[in-house]
Amino acid sequence: MQQLQGAIVAIITPFRNGKFDEDAYRQLIENQIENGISGIVPCGTTGESTTLSHEEHQRVIRVCIEQVAGRVPVIAGTGSNSTAEAISLTEHALKDGADAALSVTPYYNKPSQEGLYQHYRELDRIGIPIVLYNVPGRCGVDLLPETVARLAELDNIVAIKDATSSMIVASEIRRLCGDKITLLSGDDLTALGQMALGGRGVISVISNIIPGPWSQMAALALAGDFAAACEIHDRYFHLNRLLYLEANPIPVKTAVAMMGKCADEFRLPLTNLSPGNREILAKELARLELIRA
């Protein structure tokens, strides 16, 4: 497997008339690869995975693998709050040829740290590289650095997407794990800071909009040129903040739709961006010359 580093896009899932828009999805993937993205995550949070049927979930991952054709790693989103369901999704991803699986902490049922360890130990046994995903704000449970260190001793736990936005957490993971696990940011706003502390990249939302600049930002940071990376970070900082005007992926998918690359369509309970927030987002996209004013 190619090393997981740089800007890795958590790609949106386009819909049209209520169905998965495969043609638009393939075009989005090509645009990402043409602009230097270092990896693609289908069926993450940004891909609206929780609104997909199991059949759609598997289809979206399969199409991504087909279209990428080995050019960059595909890290399939296969998480669930049911260990058995996460195993099933992960086994399908392995069978279809995914390079790795991104598995979020089990949400809603709030397992203990031992429960989290046992959950991931079961996934480790499948034989595909596993990227842990800690996002306490969405899941209601926090995968502590001490548990990450235990998991890093397993054969197939290779990385963690840390979306806590905490430099303290990032530093503690580095202190406890060293190079046993690859640290990836799950937050574009703080990705550069985390990379300065030894992180290797970001699983990114904003890369759906600006894959070229964000890939360059990550590459510069990996090369140690933080001054140049910071210029890109600063240019897109306000846009990054606006991508959380409402729940992700509503703003980012709206932005991609404004750029003419997909339909502005969501599945309930997600709804279209409110008119006021839409105006705010459009103004910033126009200022950055990503759409016409």
Protein backbone atom coordinates (compact mmCIF):
# COMPACT_ATOMS: atom_id res chain seq x y z
CA MET A 1 0.00 0.00 0.00
CA GLN A 2 1.18 3.52 -0.79
CA GLN A 3 1.94 5.59 2.30
CA LEU A 4 -1.01 7.53 3.66
CA GLN A 5 0.05 11.16 3.74
CA GLY A 6 -0.64 14.55 2.22
CA ALA A 7 -4.11 15.86 1.39
CA ILE A 8 -6.62 13.00 1.19
CA VAL A 9 -10.12 14.02 0.14
CA ALA A 10 -13.19 12.82 2.00
CA ILE A 11 -15.17 12.96 -1.21
CA ILE A 12 -18.84 13.93 -1.44
CA THR A 13 -21.43 11.53 -2.82
CA PRO A 14 -23.45 13.27 -5.55
CA PHE A 15 -27.14 12.49 -5.91
CA ARG A 16 -29.53 13.26 -8.74
CA ASN A 17 -33.27 12.67 -8.49
CA GLY A 18 -32.73 10.74 -5.30
CA LYS A 19 -30.16 8.31 -6.71
CA PHE A 20 -26.38 8.03 -6.66
CA ASP A 21 -25.04 10.06 -9.59
CA GLU A 22 -22.27 7.79 -10.80
CA ASP A 23 -21.25 9.94 -13.77
CA ALA A 24 -20.78 13.05 -11.65
CA TYR A 25 -18.92 10.98 -9.04
CA ARG A 26 -16.43 9.65 -11.59
CA GLN A 27 -15.81 13.19 -12.85
CA LEU A 28 -15.23 14.43 -9.31
CA ILE A 29 -12.67 11.67 -8.77
CA GLU A 30 -10.84 12.56 -11.99
CA ASN A 31 -10.72 16.21 -10.98
CA GLN A 32 -9.20 15.27 -7.65
CA ILE A 33 -6.49 13.09 -9.17
CA GLU A 34 -5.69 15.63 -11.89
CA ASN A 35 -5.12 18.21 -9.18
CA GLY A 36 -2.66 16.14 -7.19
CA ILE A 37 -4.74 14.68 -4.37
CA SER A 38 -2.89 12.03 -2.36
CA GLY A 39 -5.80 9.72 -1.61
CA ILE A 40 -9.59 9.41 -1.66
CA VAL A 41 -12.02 8.43 1.07
CA PRO A 42 -15.42 7.29 -0.27
CA CYS A 43 -18.34 6.92 2.13
CA GLY A 44 -16.99 9.04 4.94
CA THR A 45 -19.09 11.56 6.86
CA THR A 46 -18.64 14.02 3.99
CA GLY A 47 -19.91 11.31 1.64
CA GLU A 48 -23.22 11.08 3.53
CA SER A 49 -22.55 7.44 4.32
CA THR A 50 -25.24 7.28 6.99
CA THR A 51 -27.96 7.90 4.38
CA LEU A 52 -26.77 5.18 1.99
CA SER A 53 -28.24 1.70 1.91
CA HIS A 54 -25.72 -1.13 2.30
CA GLU A 55 -26.00 -1.83 -1.42
CA GLU A 56 -25.36 1.83 -2.29
CA HIS A 57 -22.49 2.01 0.19
CA GLN A 58 -20.76 -0.91 -1.47
CA ARG A 59 -21.48 0.47 -4.94
CA VAL A 60 -20.03 3.90 -4.15
CA ILE A 61 -16.84 2.31 -2.84
CA ARG A 62 -16.61 -0.06 -5.82
CA VAL A 63 -17.03 2.79 -8.33
CA CYS A 64 -14.34 4.80 -6.55
CA ILE A 65 -11.90 1.89 -6.68
CA GLU A 66 -12.66 1.30 -10.36
CA GLN A 67 -12.21 4.95 -11.30
CA VAL A 68 -9.07 5.51 -9.28
CA ALA A 69 -7.51 2.38 -10.80
CA GLY A 70 -4.60 2.29 -8.40
CA ARG A 71 -3.40 5.85 -9.03
CA VAL A 72 -3.82 6.90 -5.38
CA PRO A 73 -4.87 4.98 -2.26
CA VAL A 74 -8.59 4.46 -1.68
CA ILE A 75 -9.46 4.43 2.02
CA ALA A 76 -13.02 3.15 2.20
CA GLY A 77 -15.30 4.46 4.92
CA THR A 78 -16.65 1.35 6.63
CA GLY A 79 -17.51 2.46 10.15
CA SER A 80 -20.63 1.61 12.11
CA ASN A 81 -21.85 1.60 15.71
CA SER A 82 -22.39 -2.13 15.29
CA THR A 83 -19.18 -4.14 15.25
CA ALA A 84 -20.78 -6.85 13.12
CA GLU A 85 -21.92 -4.28 10.55
CA ALA A 86 -18.50 -2.61 10.51
CA ILE A 87 -16.92 -6.02 9.90
CA SER A 88 -19.29 -6.71 7.01
CA LEU A 89 -18.66 -3.35 5.33
CA THR A 90 -14.91 -3.69 5.82
CA GLU A 91 -14.84 -7.21 4.38
CA HIS A 92 -16.70 -5.96 1.29
CA ALA A 93 -14.18 -3.11 0.90
CA LEU A 94 -11.28 -5.57 1.13
CA LYS A 95 -12.91 -7.87 -1.43
CA ASP A 96 -13.44 -4.97 -3.85
CA GLY A 97 -9.81 -3.88 -3.62
CA ALA A 98 -9.73 -0.92 -1.23
CA ASP A 99 -6.26 -0.06 0.00
CA ALA A 100 -7.42 0.65 3.55
CA ALA A 101 -10.57 1.17 5.60
CA LEU A 102 -11.51 4.24 7.63
CA SER A 103 -13.54 3.19 10.65
CA VAL A 104 -15.17 5.76 12.91
CA THR A 105 -15.62 5.09 16.61
CA PRO A 106 -18.99 3.43 17.31
CA TYR A 107 -21.46 6.27 17.77
CA TYR A 108 -24.55 6.61 19.97
CA ASN A 109 -24.00 3.52 22.14
CA LYS A 110 -20.98 5.13 23.90
CA PRO A 111 -18.68 2.13 24.49
CA SER A 112 -15.95 2.16 27.13
CA GLN A 113 -12.28 2.36 26.16
CA GLU A 114 -12.13 -1.42 26.47
CA GLY A 115 -15.17 -1.69 24.19
CA LEU A 116 -13.46 0.54 21.64
CA TYR A 117 -10.30 -1.56 21.82
CA GLN A 118 -12.23 -4.81 21.33
CA HIS A 119 -14.21 -3.29 18.43
CA TYR A 120 -11.06 -2.34 16.55
CA ARG A 121 -9.31 -5.58 17.42
CA GLU A 122 -12.09 -7.41 15.57
CA LEU A 123 -11.57 -5.16 12.53
CA ASP A 124 -7.80 -5.69 12.72
CA ARG A 125 -8.37 -9.41 12.16
CA ILE A 126 -9.90 -8.83 8.71
CA GLY A 127 -6.48 -8.18 7.21
CA ILE A 128 -6.95 -4.76 5.58
CA PRO A 129 -5.06 -1.70 6.89
CA ILE A 130 -7.34 0.17 9.31
CA VAL A 131 -7.42 3.93 9.86
CA LEU A 132 -8.97 4.77 13.22
CA TYR A 133 -11.30 7.77 13.19
CA ASN A 134 -11.89 9.77 16.36
CA VAL A 135 -14.50 12.54 16.16
CA PRO A 136 -16.02 12.96 19.62
CA GLY A 137 -18.28 15.84 18.59
CA ARG A 138 -20.25 13.56 16.28
CA CYS A 139 -19.94 10.21 18.01
CA GLY A 140 -20.33 11.02 21.70
CA VAL A 141 -17.28 8.94 22.57
CA ASP A 142 -13.57 9.81 22.67
CA LEU A 143 -10.86 7.34 21.63
CA LEU A 144 -8.18 8.29 24.16
CA PRO A 145 -4.47 8.40 23.23
CA GLU A 146 -3.77 5.56 25.66
CA THR A 147 -6.21 3.34 23.76
CA VAL A 148 -4.71 4.45 20.45
CA ALA A 149 -1.33 3.31 21.79
CA ARG A 150 -2.77 -0.14 22.61
CA LEU A 151 -4.29 -0.39 19.15
CA ALA A 152 -1.07 0.72 17.47
CA GLU A 153 0.48 -2.56 18.61
CA LEU A 154 -1.93 -4.56 16.42
CA ASP A 155 -0.81 -5.69 12.97
CA ASN A 156 -3.26 -3.79 10.76
CA ILE A 157 -3.94 -0.57 12.68
CA VAL A 158 -1.86 1.79 10.55
CA ALA A 159 -3.18 5.33 11.08
CA ILE A 160 -5.58 7.57 12.96
CA LYS A 161 -7.73 10.39 11.67
CA ASP A 162 -7.84 12.68 14.68
CA ALA A 163 -10.69 15.17 14.39
CA THR A 164 -10.46 16.54 17.93
CA SER A 165 -8.70 19.71 16.66
CA SER A 166 -6.54 19.44 19.78
CA MET A 167 -2.79 19.88 19.53
CA ILE A 168 -2.55 18.37 23.01
CA VAL A 169 -4.21 15.17 21.79
CA ALA A 170 -1.98 15.09 18.70
CA SER A 171 1.12 15.52 20.83
CA GLU A 172 0.02 12.82 23.26
CA ILE A 173 -0.59 10.37 20.42
CA ARG A 174 2.88 11.12 19.07
CA ARG A 175 4.40 10.73 22.55
CA LEU A 176 2.75 7.39 23.21
CA CYS A 177 2.88 5.88 19.71
CA GLY A 178 5.90 7.42 18.01
CA ASP A 179 6.10 6.05 14.48
CA LYS A 180 3.91 3.01 15.19
CA ILE A 181 0.90 4.83 13.77
CA THR A 182 0.46 7.54 11.13
CA LEU A 183 -1.21 10.67 12.50
CA LEU A 184 -3.65 12.33 10.09
CA SER A 185 -5.76 15.38 10.83
CA GLY A 186 -9.52 15.24 10.45
CA ASP A 187 -9.87 19.02 10.56
CA ASP A 188 -8.70 21.32 7.75
CA LEU A 189 -8.66 24.34 10.06
CA THR A 190 -5.97 22.85 12.30
CA ALA A 191 -4.29 20.44 9.88
CA LEU A 192 -1.23 22.63 9.37
CA GLY A 193 -0.69 22.94 13.11
CA GLN A 194 -0.96 19.20 13.56
CA MET A 195 1.53 18.61 10.73
CA ALA A 196 3.98 20.90 12.51
CA LEU A 197 3.72 18.48 15.45
CA GLY A 198 4.49 15.41 13.35
CA GLY A 199 1.22 14.72 11.55
CA ARG A 200 1.53 13.38 8.03
CA GLY A 201 -1.48 14.94 6.36
CA VAL A 202 -5.20 15.57 6.46
CA ILE A 203 -8.37 13.74 5.49
CA SER A 204 -9.95 16.82 4.07
CA VAL A 205 -13.33 18.42 3.41
CA ILE A 206 -12.11 21.56 1.63
CA SER A 207 -10.20 19.44 -0.91
CA ASN A 208 -13.56 18.81 -2.56
CA ILE A 209 -13.38 22.49 -3.60
CA ILE A 210 -9.66 23.24 -3.91
CA PRO A 211 -7.78 19.94 -4.37
CA GLY A 212 -4.79 21.62 -6.03
CA PRO A 213 -4.01 24.32 -3.44
CA TRP A 214 -4.75 22.05 -0.48
CA SER A 215 -2.54 19.30 -1.87
CA GLN A 216 0.20 21.90 -2.28
CA MET A 217 -0.29 23.10 1.29
CA ALA A 218 0.15 19.58 2.64
CA ALA A 219 3.16 18.87 0.41
CA LEU A 220 4.87 22.08 1.55
CA ALA A 221 4.26 21.19 5.19
CA LEU A 222 5.65 17.69 4.68
CA ALA A 223 8.73 19.27 3.10
CA GLY A 224 9.15 21.53 6.13
CA ASP A 225 8.29 24.77 4.32
CA PHE A 226 5.74 25.94 6.85
CA ALA A 227 5.93 29.58 5.81
CA ALA A 228 4.75 28.78 2.29
CA ALA A 229 2.18 26.30 3.60
CA CYS A 230 0.87 28.97 5.95
CA GLU A 231 0.22 31.34 3.03
CA ILE A 232 -2.18 28.79 1.53
CA HIS A 233 -3.71 28.06 4.93
CA ASP A 234 -4.35 31.78 5.45
CA ARG A 235 -5.84 32.31 1.99
CA TYR A 236 -8.50 29.65 2.53
CA PHE A 237 -8.95 29.97 6.29
CA HIS A 238 -12.24 31.87 6.11
CA LEU A 239 -13.67 29.47 3.53
CA ASN A 240 -12.71 26.59 5.81
CA ARG A 241 -14.69 28.20 8.62
CA LEU A 242 -17.70 28.73 6.37
CA LEU A 243 -17.78 25.03 5.55
CA TYR A 244 -19.21 24.59 9.04
CA LEU A 245 -21.97 27.19 8.78
CA GLU A 246 -24.25 24.16 8.94
CA ALA A 247 -23.55 20.46 9.43
CA ASN A 248 -20.92 18.95 7.13
CA PRO A 249 -21.36 18.10 4.24
CA ILE A 250 -24.13 20.62 3.55
CA PRO A 251 -21.88 23.66 2.89
CA VAL A 252 -19.14 21.82 0.98
CA LYS A 253 -21.57 19.99 -1.31
CA THR A 254 -23.40 23.27 -1.89
CA ALA A 255 -20.09 24.86 -2.89
CA VAL A 256 -19.28 22.03 -5.32
CA ALA A 257 -22.77 22.42 -6.79
CA MET A 258 -22.23 26.17 -7.16
CA MET A 259 -19.09 25.32 -9.13
CA GLY A 260 -21.27 23.25 -11.50
CA LYS A 261 -19.84 19.85 -10.61
CA CYS A 262 -22.86 18.13 -9.05
CA ALA A 263 -26.50 18.64 -8.18
CA ASP A 264 -27.39 20.55 -5.03
CA GLU A 265 -29.14 17.53 -3.56
CA PHE A 266 -29.14 15.89 -0.13
CA ARG A 267 -31.00 13.13 1.66
CA LEU A 268 -33.05 13.75 4.76
CA PRO A 269 -32.43 14.50 7.52
CA LEU A 270 -29.89 16.74 5.76
CA THR A 271 -31.44 19.70 3.98
CA ASN A 272 -30.23 22.37 1.57
CA LEU A 273 -28.16 25.23 2.90
CA SER A 274 -30.34 28.06 4.18
CA PRO A 275 -30.65 31.10 1.86
CA GLY A 276 -28.73 33.41 4.19
CA ASN A 277 -25.82 31.03 4.62
CA ARG A 278 -25.86 30.27 0.91
CA GLU A 279 -25.32 33.97 0.20
CA ILE A 280 -22.42 34.13 2.68
CA LEU A 281 -20.76 31.08 1.13
CA ALA A 282 -21.25 32.29 -2.44
CA LYS A 283 -19.68 35.64 -1.59
CA GLU A 284 -16.52 33.96 -0.30
CA LEU A 285 -16.31 31.57 -3.25
CA ALA A 286 -16.57 34.54 -5.59
CA ARG A 287 -13.89 36.45 -3.65
CA LEU A 288 -11.57 33.47 -4.14
CA GLU A 289 -12.55 33.36 -7.85
CA LEU A 290 -13.94 29.85 -7.51
CA ILE A 291 -17.27 30.94 -8.94
CA ARG A 292 -18.38 34.03 -10.80
CA ALA A 293 -19.71 36.90 -8.71
